[in-house]
């Protein structure tokens, strides 16, 4: 699959030669990459771009009376994990077994709500995954992403820094803030 990727006015624009999920163009922000990566437990920017391109939200799960939707549980679980109020477990054990902790359960529920595959029960071990340059660890099919086009885009320090800054800002927004009196 051939694609062109560029950043314009703070947004990443992906033009596809062949449709992905019925679309030939995707426009999203670095903040979208950061939030999807964190909320879905993705292992790379490639997985994030693939999930954005393939995800289709199940709008029947939206409750207009409460405002809760597909993403709510993942936000709450990640916020709880960052606040140290979640179960004391890692998402992946050293042997590669996915734990049934609240964050992983919430991420899998959100993935289901976006019609994306859940985190595999037998994934790579956390230590191996962290050391390798692999996109196969969390179950997202990345074949819809032109990895060369993405690599070229990410070689632009402005783009790479924008994604890094978005990730830092996203996590900071979920962290408890000190009360200043």
N, C-alpha and C. Protein backbone atom coordinates (compact mmCIF):
# COMPACT_ATOMS: atom_id res chain seq x y z
N UNK A 1 0.84 -1.17 0.00
CA UNK A 1 0.00 0.00 0.00
C UNK A 1 0.89 1.24 0.00
N UNK A 2 0.65 2.12 -0.91
CA UNK A 2 1.44 3.35 -1.03
C UNK A 2 0.65 4.51 -0.44
N UNK A 3 1.36 5.32 0.35
CA UNK A 3 0.75 6.48 0.99
C UNK A 3 1.73 7.64 0.99
N UNK A 4 1.18 8.83 1.08
CA UNK A 4 2.00 10.00 1.37
C UNK A 4 1.54 10.53 2.71
N UNK A 5 2.48 11.00 3.49
CA UNK A 5 2.19 11.54 4.81
C UNK A 5 2.92 12.86 4.96
N UNK A 6 2.21 13.83 5.51
CA UNK A 6 2.80 15.15 5.73
C UNK A 6 2.13 15.79 6.94
N UNK A 7 2.81 16.79 7.49
CA UNK A 7 2.21 17.58 8.56
C UNK A 7 1.93 18.96 8.00
N UNK A 8 0.70 19.43 8.22
CA UNK A 8 0.29 20.74 7.75
C UNK A 8 -0.62 21.37 8.79
N UNK A 9 -0.31 22.60 9.17
CA UNK A 9 -1.10 23.33 10.16
C UNK A 9 -1.32 22.51 11.44
N UNK A 10 -0.31 21.76 11.85
CA UNK A 10 -0.39 21.00 13.09
C UNK A 10 -1.09 19.66 12.98
N UNK A 11 -1.57 19.31 11.80
CA UNK A 11 -2.25 18.03 11.60
C UNK A 11 -1.42 17.13 10.69
N UNK A 12 -1.54 15.84 10.94
CA UNK A 12 -0.90 14.85 10.09
C UNK A 12 -1.92 14.44 9.04
N UNK A 13 -1.50 14.48 7.78
CA UNK A 13 -2.38 14.15 6.66
C UNK A 13 -1.82 12.91 5.98
N UNK A 14 -2.66 11.88 5.87
CA UNK A 14 -2.28 10.64 5.21
C UNK A 14 -3.15 10.49 3.97
N UNK A 15 -2.53 10.44 2.81
CA UNK A 15 -3.23 10.19 1.55
C UNK A 15 -2.89 8.78 1.09
N UNK A 16 -3.91 7.97 0.85
CA UNK A 16 -3.73 6.57 0.48
C UNK A 16 -4.05 6.35 -0.99
N UNK A 17 -3.21 5.59 -1.68
CA UNK A 17 -3.50 5.22 -3.07
C UNK A 17 -4.73 4.32 -3.14
N UNK A 18 -4.90 3.45 -2.14
CA UNK A 18 -6.05 2.56 -2.07
C UNK A 18 -6.80 2.86 -0.78
N UNK A 19 -8.13 2.78 -0.80
CA UNK A 19 -8.91 3.08 0.40
C UNK A 19 -8.57 2.14 1.56
N UNK A 20 -8.58 2.69 2.75
CA UNK A 20 -8.47 1.93 3.99
C UNK A 20 -9.76 2.20 4.74
N UNK A 21 -10.52 1.14 4.99
CA UNK A 21 -11.77 1.30 5.72
C UNK A 21 -12.72 2.25 4.99
N UNK A 22 -12.60 2.31 3.67
CA UNK A 22 -13.48 3.14 2.85
C UNK A 22 -13.00 4.57 2.64
N UNK A 23 -11.85 4.93 3.19
CA UNK A 23 -11.34 6.30 3.08
C UNK A 23 -9.97 6.32 2.41
N UNK A 24 -9.73 7.37 1.66
CA UNK A 24 -8.41 7.53 1.03
C UNK A 24 -7.60 8.64 1.67
N UNK A 25 -8.19 9.38 2.60
CA UNK A 25 -7.45 10.43 3.29
C UNK A 25 -7.84 10.43 4.76
N UNK A 26 -6.83 10.61 5.60
CA UNK A 26 -7.03 10.70 7.05
C UNK A 26 -6.30 11.95 7.52
N UNK A 27 -6.94 12.69 8.40
CA UNK A 27 -6.34 13.89 8.99
C UNK A 27 -6.51 13.76 10.50
N UNK A 28 -5.41 13.82 11.22
CA UNK A 28 -5.47 13.71 12.67
C UNK A 28 -4.29 14.46 13.28
N UNK A 29 -4.40 14.75 14.55
CA UNK A 29 -3.38 15.53 15.24
C UNK A 29 -2.38 14.62 15.95
N UNK A 30 -1.23 15.17 16.32
CA UNK A 30 -0.30 14.42 17.17
C UNK A 30 -0.96 14.00 18.49
N UNK A 31 -1.89 14.83 18.98
CA UNK A 31 -2.61 14.50 20.21
C UNK A 31 -3.46 13.24 20.03
N UNK A 32 -3.99 13.04 18.83
CA UNK A 32 -4.76 11.83 18.56
C UNK A 32 -3.86 10.61 18.66
N UNK A 33 -2.68 10.68 18.08
CA UNK A 33 -1.73 9.57 18.17
C UNK A 33 -1.40 9.29 19.64
N UNK A 34 -1.13 10.33 20.41
CA UNK A 34 -0.76 10.17 21.81
C UNK A 34 -1.89 9.54 22.62
N UNK A 35 -3.11 10.04 22.45
CA UNK A 35 -4.22 9.52 23.25
C UNK A 35 -4.59 8.09 22.85
N UNK A 36 -4.62 7.80 21.57
CA UNK A 36 -4.95 6.44 21.15
C UNK A 36 -3.88 5.46 21.63
N UNK A 37 -2.61 5.85 21.57
CA UNK A 37 -1.53 4.98 22.03
C UNK A 37 -1.72 4.64 23.50
N UNK A 38 -1.97 5.64 24.31
CA UNK A 38 -2.13 5.42 25.75
C UNK A 38 -3.41 4.68 26.09
N UNK A 39 -4.52 5.10 25.51
CA UNK A 39 -5.81 4.53 25.87
C UNK A 39 -6.02 3.11 25.35
N UNK A 40 -5.40 2.78 24.23
CA UNK A 40 -5.55 1.43 23.66
C UNK A 40 -4.37 0.52 23.98
N UNK A 41 -3.36 1.05 24.67
CA UNK A 41 -2.19 0.25 25.03
C UNK A 41 -1.38 -0.17 23.82
N UNK A 42 -1.20 0.76 22.89
CA UNK A 42 -0.48 0.47 21.66
C UNK A 42 1.02 0.57 21.89
N UNK A 43 1.78 -0.15 21.06
CA UNK A 43 3.22 -0.22 21.26
C UNK A 43 4.06 0.65 20.36
N UNK A 44 3.43 1.35 19.40
CA UNK A 44 4.23 2.15 18.48
C UNK A 44 3.35 3.16 17.76
N UNK A 45 4.01 4.13 17.14
CA UNK A 45 3.29 5.10 16.32
C UNK A 45 2.65 4.40 15.12
N UNK A 46 3.31 3.38 14.59
CA UNK A 46 2.74 2.63 13.47
C UNK A 46 1.41 2.00 13.87
N UNK A 47 1.38 1.39 15.06
CA UNK A 47 0.13 0.81 15.54
C UNK A 47 -0.94 1.88 15.74
N UNK A 48 -0.54 3.03 16.26
CA UNK A 48 -1.51 4.10 16.47
C UNK A 48 -2.12 4.56 15.15
N UNK A 49 -1.28 4.79 14.15
CA UNK A 49 -1.78 5.23 12.84
C UNK A 49 -2.69 4.15 12.25
N UNK A 50 -2.29 2.88 12.36
CA UNK A 50 -3.12 1.79 11.85
C UNK A 50 -4.47 1.73 12.57
N UNK A 51 -4.46 1.89 13.89
CA UNK A 51 -5.71 1.85 14.65
C UNK A 51 -6.62 3.01 14.26
N UNK A 52 -6.04 4.20 14.09
CA UNK A 52 -6.83 5.37 13.68
C UNK A 52 -7.47 5.11 12.32
N UNK A 53 -6.72 4.51 11.42
CA UNK A 53 -7.23 4.26 10.07
C UNK A 53 -8.27 3.14 10.04
N UNK A 54 -8.18 2.19 10.95
CA UNK A 54 -9.08 1.03 10.93
C UNK A 54 -10.23 1.11 11.93
N UNK A 55 -10.09 1.94 12.96
CA UNK A 55 -11.09 1.98 14.01
C UNK A 55 -12.42 2.57 13.55
N UNK A 56 -13.50 1.93 13.98
CA UNK A 56 -14.85 2.42 13.70
C UNK A 56 -15.62 2.35 15.02
N UNK A 57 -15.97 3.51 15.55
CA UNK A 57 -16.61 3.56 16.86
C UNK A 57 -18.02 2.99 16.84
N UNK A 58 -18.31 2.14 17.81
CA UNK A 58 -19.65 1.60 18.00
C UNK A 58 -20.47 2.67 18.73
N UNK A 59 -21.19 3.46 17.97
CA UNK A 59 -21.95 4.58 18.55
C UNK A 59 -23.14 4.12 19.37
N UNK A 60 -23.52 2.85 19.28
CA UNK A 60 -24.63 2.35 20.10
C UNK A 60 -24.22 2.27 21.57
N UNK A 61 -22.92 2.35 21.83
CA UNK A 61 -22.44 2.30 23.22
C UNK A 61 -22.42 3.68 23.88
N UNK A 62 -22.81 4.70 23.17
CA UNK A 62 -22.86 6.04 23.74
C UNK A 62 -24.15 6.21 24.53
N UNK A 63 -24.04 6.71 25.76
CA UNK A 63 -25.20 6.97 26.61
C UNK A 63 -25.37 8.48 26.73
N UNK A 64 -26.35 9.06 26.02
CA UNK A 64 -26.51 10.51 26.04
C UNK A 64 -26.87 11.07 27.42
N UNK A 65 -27.45 10.24 28.29
CA UNK A 65 -27.83 10.74 29.61
C UNK A 65 -26.62 10.92 30.52
N UNK A 66 -25.56 10.14 30.30
CA UNK A 66 -24.37 10.25 31.14
C UNK A 66 -23.16 10.80 30.39
N UNK A 67 -23.22 10.75 29.06
CA UNK A 67 -22.08 11.17 28.25
C UNK A 67 -21.01 10.10 28.13
N UNK A 68 -21.27 8.91 28.70
CA UNK A 68 -20.29 7.82 28.64
C UNK A 68 -20.33 7.17 27.27
N UNK A 69 -19.15 6.86 26.75
CA UNK A 69 -19.05 6.22 25.46
C UNK A 69 -17.95 5.18 25.46
N UNK A 70 -17.53 4.80 24.29
CA UNK A 70 -16.53 3.76 24.09
C UNK A 70 -15.23 4.07 24.84
N UNK A 71 -14.83 5.32 24.86
CA UNK A 71 -13.53 5.70 25.41
C UNK A 71 -13.53 5.94 26.93
N UNK A 72 -14.70 6.10 27.54
CA UNK A 72 -14.79 6.52 28.94
C UNK A 72 -14.05 5.59 29.89
N UNK A 73 -14.29 4.29 29.77
CA UNK A 73 -13.68 3.33 30.69
C UNK A 73 -12.15 3.34 30.59
N UNK A 74 -11.63 3.48 29.38
CA UNK A 74 -10.17 3.52 29.20
C UNK A 74 -9.58 4.76 29.86
N UNK A 75 -10.25 5.92 29.68
CA UNK A 75 -9.78 7.14 30.34
C UNK A 75 -9.76 6.95 31.85
N UNK A 76 -10.86 6.43 32.40
CA UNK A 76 -10.96 6.26 33.85
C UNK A 76 -9.90 5.29 34.38
N UNK A 77 -9.69 4.19 33.67
CA UNK A 77 -8.71 3.19 34.12
C UNK A 77 -7.29 3.73 34.04
N UNK A 78 -6.98 4.46 32.97
CA UNK A 78 -5.64 5.03 32.84
C UNK A 78 -5.41 6.09 33.91
N UNK A 79 -6.41 6.91 34.14
CA UNK A 79 -6.31 7.92 35.19
C UNK A 79 -6.10 7.27 36.55
N UNK A 80 -6.84 6.20 36.83
CA UNK A 80 -6.69 5.48 38.10
C UNK A 80 -5.29 4.87 38.21
N UNK A 81 -4.79 4.30 37.12
CA UNK A 81 -3.44 3.71 37.14
C UNK A 81 -2.39 4.78 37.42
N UNK A 82 -2.56 5.95 36.83
CA UNK A 82 -1.61 7.04 37.05
C UNK A 82 -1.72 7.62 38.46
N UNK A 83 -2.88 7.45 39.08
CA UNK A 83 -3.10 7.93 40.44
C UNK A 83 -2.76 6.87 41.48
N UNK A 84 -2.21 5.74 41.03
CA UNK A 84 -1.84 4.63 41.92
C UNK A 84 -3.02 4.02 42.66
N UNK A 85 -4.23 4.16 42.11
CA UNK A 85 -5.38 3.55 42.77
C UNK A 85 -5.83 2.28 42.06
N UNK A 86 -5.12 1.90 41.01
CA UNK A 86 -5.47 0.67 40.28
C UNK A 86 -4.75 -0.52 40.89
N UNK A 87 -5.13 -1.70 40.46
CA UNK A 87 -4.48 -2.92 40.93
C UNK A 87 -2.99 -2.86 40.63
N UNK A 88 -2.19 -3.42 41.51
CA UNK A 88 -0.74 -3.38 41.36
C UNK A 88 -0.26 -4.51 40.46
N UNK A 89 -0.51 -4.37 39.13
CA UNK A 89 -0.09 -5.37 38.15
C UNK A 89 0.37 -4.66 36.90
N UNK A 90 1.25 -5.32 36.18
CA UNK A 90 1.66 -4.82 34.87
C UNK A 90 0.69 -5.31 33.82
N UNK A 91 0.65 -4.61 32.67
CA UNK A 91 -0.18 -5.07 31.57
C UNK A 91 0.34 -6.39 31.04
N UNK A 92 1.66 -6.52 30.92
CA UNK A 92 2.27 -7.76 30.43
C UNK A 92 3.22 -8.30 31.48
N UNK A 93 3.09 -9.58 31.78
CA UNK A 93 4.05 -10.22 32.66
C UNK A 93 5.30 -10.53 31.85
N UNK A 94 6.41 -10.83 32.55
CA UNK A 94 7.66 -11.14 31.84
C UNK A 94 7.53 -12.33 30.91
N UNK A 95 6.60 -13.26 31.22
CA UNK A 95 6.44 -14.42 30.34
C UNK A 95 5.52 -14.14 29.17
N UNK A 96 5.04 -12.90 29.05
CA UNK A 96 4.20 -12.53 27.92
C UNK A 96 2.71 -12.67 28.17
N UNK A 97 2.32 -13.15 29.35
CA UNK A 97 0.91 -13.31 29.65
C UNK A 97 0.28 -11.95 29.94
N UNK A 98 -0.84 -11.69 29.31
CA UNK A 98 -1.55 -10.45 29.56
C UNK A 98 -2.32 -10.59 30.87
N UNK A 99 -2.15 -9.63 31.74
CA UNK A 99 -2.82 -9.66 33.03
C UNK A 99 -4.26 -9.15 32.90
N UNK A 100 -5.07 -9.53 33.85
CA UNK A 100 -6.46 -9.13 33.84
C UNK A 100 -6.67 -7.92 34.75
N UNK A 101 -5.74 -6.98 34.71
CA UNK A 101 -5.83 -5.79 35.55
C UNK A 101 -6.87 -4.83 34.97
N UNK A 102 -7.35 -3.88 35.76
CA UNK A 102 -8.41 -2.98 35.28
C UNK A 102 -8.04 -2.19 34.03
N UNK A 103 -6.79 -1.79 33.90
CA UNK A 103 -6.39 -1.00 32.73
C UNK A 103 -6.45 -1.85 31.46
N UNK A 104 -5.94 -3.08 31.52
CA UNK A 104 -5.98 -3.96 30.35
C UNK A 104 -7.42 -4.29 29.98
N UNK A 105 -8.25 -4.57 30.96
CA UNK A 105 -9.67 -4.86 30.71
C UNK A 105 -10.33 -3.66 30.03
N UNK A 106 -10.07 -2.46 30.54
CA UNK A 106 -10.66 -1.25 29.95
C UNK A 106 -10.15 -1.01 28.53
N UNK A 107 -8.86 -1.21 28.33
CA UNK A 107 -8.30 -1.04 26.98
C UNK A 107 -8.93 -2.03 26.01
N UNK A 108 -9.09 -3.28 26.43
CA UNK A 108 -9.71 -4.27 25.55
C UNK A 108 -11.17 -3.93 25.27
N UNK A 109 -11.88 -3.43 26.26
CA UNK A 109 -13.27 -3.04 26.05
C UNK A 109 -13.36 -1.89 25.06
N UNK A 110 -12.45 -0.94 25.17
CA UNK A 110 -12.42 0.18 24.23
C UNK A 110 -12.06 -0.31 22.83
N UNK A 111 -11.09 -1.21 22.75
CA UNK A 111 -10.74 -1.77 21.44
C UNK A 111 -11.95 -2.46 20.80
N UNK A 112 -12.69 -3.23 21.60
CA UNK A 112 -13.89 -3.88 21.06
C UNK A 112 -14.87 -2.83 20.55
N UNK A 113 -15.03 -1.75 21.31
CA UNK A 113 -15.95 -0.68 20.93
C UNK A 113 -15.51 0.09 19.70
N UNK A 114 -14.25 -0.04 19.34
CA UNK A 114 -13.72 0.59 18.12
C UNK A 114 -13.55 -0.44 17.00
N UNK A 115 -14.04 -1.65 17.22
CA UNK A 115 -13.92 -2.76 16.26
C UNK A 115 -12.46 -3.04 15.91
N UNK A 116 -11.61 -3.01 16.95
CA UNK A 116 -10.19 -3.33 16.82
C UNK A 116 -9.92 -4.60 17.63
N UNK A 117 -8.88 -5.37 17.28
CA UNK A 117 -8.58 -6.59 18.04
C UNK A 117 -8.11 -6.27 19.46
N UNK A 118 -8.46 -7.17 20.37
CA UNK A 118 -8.03 -6.98 21.76
C UNK A 118 -6.56 -7.35 21.89
N UNK A 119 -5.97 -6.97 23.01
CA UNK A 119 -4.57 -7.30 23.28
C UNK A 119 -4.47 -8.81 23.40
N UNK A 120 -3.60 -9.45 22.62
CA UNK A 120 -3.52 -10.92 22.63
C UNK A 120 -3.14 -11.46 24.00
N UNK A 121 -3.69 -12.62 24.35
CA UNK A 121 -3.35 -13.26 25.62
C UNK A 121 -1.88 -13.64 25.68
N UNK A 122 -1.36 -14.15 24.60
CA UNK A 122 0.07 -14.49 24.55
C UNK A 122 0.75 -13.50 23.62
N UNK A 123 1.22 -12.43 24.20
CA UNK A 123 1.94 -11.42 23.45
C UNK A 123 3.42 -11.60 23.72
N UNK A 124 4.23 -10.77 23.10
CA UNK A 124 5.66 -10.82 23.41
C UNK A 124 5.85 -10.43 24.86
N UNK A 125 6.94 -10.89 25.45
CA UNK A 125 7.22 -10.46 26.81
C UNK A 125 7.49 -8.96 26.82
N UNK A 126 7.18 -8.33 27.91
CA UNK A 126 7.35 -6.88 28.00
C UNK A 126 8.79 -6.47 27.75
N UNK A 127 9.73 -7.22 28.32
CA UNK A 127 11.14 -6.85 28.14
C UNK A 127 11.59 -7.05 26.70
N UNK A 128 11.16 -8.12 26.05
CA UNK A 128 11.53 -8.35 24.66
C UNK A 128 10.90 -7.30 23.77
N UNK A 129 9.62 -7.00 24.01
CA UNK A 129 8.91 -6.03 23.19
C UNK A 129 9.58 -4.65 23.28
N UNK A 130 10.01 -4.29 24.48
CA UNK A 130 10.62 -2.97 24.66
C UNK A 130 11.96 -2.87 23.94
N UNK A 131 12.67 -3.99 23.81
CA UNK A 131 13.99 -3.97 23.21
C UNK A 131 13.98 -4.13 21.69
N UNK A 132 12.90 -4.66 21.14
CA UNK A 132 12.83 -4.90 19.70
C UNK A 132 12.05 -3.80 19.01
N UNK A 133 12.31 -3.62 17.73
CA UNK A 133 11.55 -2.68 16.92
C UNK A 133 10.46 -3.49 16.22
N UNK A 134 9.38 -3.78 16.96
CA UNK A 134 8.33 -4.64 16.44
C UNK A 134 6.98 -3.99 16.61
N UNK A 135 6.11 -4.18 15.63
CA UNK A 135 4.76 -3.64 15.70
C UNK A 135 3.72 -4.73 15.91
N UNK A 136 4.14 -5.95 16.17
CA UNK A 136 3.21 -7.07 16.25
C UNK A 136 2.74 -7.35 17.67
N UNK A 137 3.20 -6.60 18.65
CA UNK A 137 2.98 -6.95 20.04
C UNK A 137 1.60 -6.77 20.60
N UNK A 138 0.79 -5.86 20.11
CA UNK A 138 -0.49 -5.63 20.77
C UNK A 138 -1.70 -5.97 19.91
N UNK A 139 -1.49 -6.68 18.81
CA UNK A 139 -2.61 -7.20 18.04
C UNK A 139 -3.17 -6.32 16.94
N UNK A 140 -2.64 -5.14 16.74
CA UNK A 140 -3.13 -4.24 15.69
C UNK A 140 -2.45 -4.60 14.38
N UNK A 141 -3.24 -4.79 13.33
CA UNK A 141 -2.71 -5.09 12.00
C UNK A 141 -2.17 -3.79 11.40
N UNK A 142 -0.88 -3.75 11.20
CA UNK A 142 -0.25 -2.53 10.68
C UNK A 142 -0.01 -2.58 9.17
N UNK A 143 -0.54 -3.60 8.51
CA UNK A 143 -0.29 -3.73 7.07
C UNK A 143 -0.93 -2.61 6.25
N UNK A 144 -1.85 -1.86 6.83
CA UNK A 144 -2.49 -0.75 6.11
C UNK A 144 -1.64 0.52 6.14
N UNK A 145 -0.51 0.49 6.85
CA UNK A 145 0.34 1.67 6.97
C UNK A 145 1.59 1.50 6.11
N UNK A 146 1.87 2.50 5.30
CA UNK A 146 3.10 2.53 4.52
C UNK A 146 4.21 2.93 5.49
N UNK A 147 4.94 1.93 5.97
CA UNK A 147 5.93 2.19 7.01
C UNK A 147 7.06 3.10 6.54
N UNK A 148 7.38 3.06 5.26
CA UNK A 148 8.42 3.96 4.75
C UNK A 148 7.93 5.40 4.78
N UNK A 149 6.68 5.62 4.38
CA UNK A 149 6.11 6.98 4.41
C UNK A 149 6.05 7.49 5.85
N UNK A 150 5.68 6.62 6.79
CA UNK A 150 5.61 7.02 8.19
C UNK A 150 7.01 7.30 8.73
N UNK A 151 7.97 6.46 8.39
CA UNK A 151 9.35 6.67 8.81
C UNK A 151 9.88 8.01 8.29
N UNK A 152 9.58 8.29 7.03
CA UNK A 152 10.00 9.58 6.44
C UNK A 152 9.36 10.74 7.19
N UNK A 153 8.08 10.61 7.52
CA UNK A 153 7.38 11.67 8.26
C UNK A 153 8.01 11.86 9.64
N UNK A 154 8.26 10.75 10.33
CA UNK A 154 8.81 10.83 11.69
C UNK A 154 10.26 11.27 11.72
N UNK A 155 10.95 11.22 10.58
CA UNK A 155 12.33 11.71 10.53
C UNK A 155 12.38 13.23 10.60
N UNK A 156 11.25 13.87 10.36
CA UNK A 156 11.14 15.32 10.52
C UNK A 156 11.03 15.60 12.02
N UNK A 157 12.05 16.25 12.57
CA UNK A 157 12.09 16.51 14.01
C UNK A 157 10.89 17.29 14.51
N UNK A 158 10.33 18.15 13.68
CA UNK A 158 9.14 18.91 14.08
C UNK A 158 7.97 17.97 14.36
N UNK A 159 7.80 16.98 13.49
CA UNK A 159 6.71 16.01 13.65
C UNK A 159 6.98 15.13 14.87
N UNK A 160 8.19 14.59 14.96
CA UNK A 160 8.55 13.72 16.09
C UNK A 160 8.39 14.46 17.41
N UNK A 161 8.84 15.71 17.47
CA UNK A 161 8.70 16.50 18.70
C UNK A 161 7.24 16.79 19.01
N UNK A 162 6.44 17.05 17.99
CA UNK A 162 5.01 17.32 18.21
C UNK A 162 4.33 16.10 18.83
N UNK A 163 4.66 14.91 18.35
CA UNK A 163 4.08 13.68 18.91
C UNK A 163 4.58 13.46 20.34
N UNK A 164 5.88 13.65 20.57
CA UNK A 164 6.44 13.50 21.93
C UNK A 164 5.80 14.49 22.89
N UNK A 165 5.67 15.75 22.48
CA UNK A 165 5.05 16.77 23.34
C UNK A 165 3.58 16.45 23.60
N UNK A 166 2.89 15.94 22.59
CA UNK A 166 1.48 15.58 22.76
C UNK A 166 1.34 14.44 23.77
N UNK A 167 2.26 13.49 23.71
CA UNK A 167 2.23 12.38 24.67
C UNK A 167 2.44 12.89 26.09
N UNK A 168 3.44 13.74 26.27
CA UNK A 168 3.70 14.31 27.60
C UNK A 168 2.49 15.09 28.10
N UNK A 169 1.90 15.90 27.25
CA UNK A 169 0.73 16.70 27.63
C UNK A 169 -0.46 15.82 27.97
N UNK A 170 -0.65 14.75 27.19
CA UNK A 170 -1.78 13.86 27.45
C UNK A 170 -1.67 13.22 28.82
N UNK A 171 -0.50 12.65 29.11
CA UNK A 171 -0.31 12.03 30.43
C UNK A 171 -0.40 13.07 31.55
N UNK A 172 0.15 14.25 31.34
CA UNK A 172 0.08 15.30 32.36
C UNK A 172 -1.36 15.69 32.64
N UNK A 173 -2.21 15.67 31.62
CA UNK A 173 -3.61 16.04 31.82
C UNK A 173 -4.36 15.03 32.67
N UNK A 174 -3.85 13.81 32.76
CA UNK A 174 -4.50 12.77 33.55
C UNK A 174 -3.92 12.63 34.96
N UNK A 175 -2.79 13.26 35.19
CA UNK A 175 -2.12 13.15 36.49
C UNK A 175 -2.81 14.06 37.50
N UNK A 176 -2.80 13.63 38.76
CA UNK A 176 -3.38 14.48 39.80
C UNK A 176 -2.60 15.79 39.90
N UNK A 177 -3.30 16.86 40.05
CA UNK A 177 -2.68 18.18 40.15
C UNK A 177 -2.64 18.60 41.62
N UNK A 178 -1.53 19.17 42.06
CA UNK A 178 -1.46 19.62 43.45
C UNK A 178 -2.43 20.78 43.68
N UNK A 179 -2.97 20.79 44.87
CA UNK A 179 -3.87 21.87 45.24
C UNK A 179 -3.03 23.03 45.75
N UNK A 180 -3.18 24.15 45.11
CA UNK A 180 -2.42 25.35 45.50
C UNK A 180 -3.37 26.26 46.26
N UNK A 181 -2.95 26.62 47.46
CA UNK A 181 -3.81 27.47 48.29
C UNK A 181 -3.19 28.82 48.48
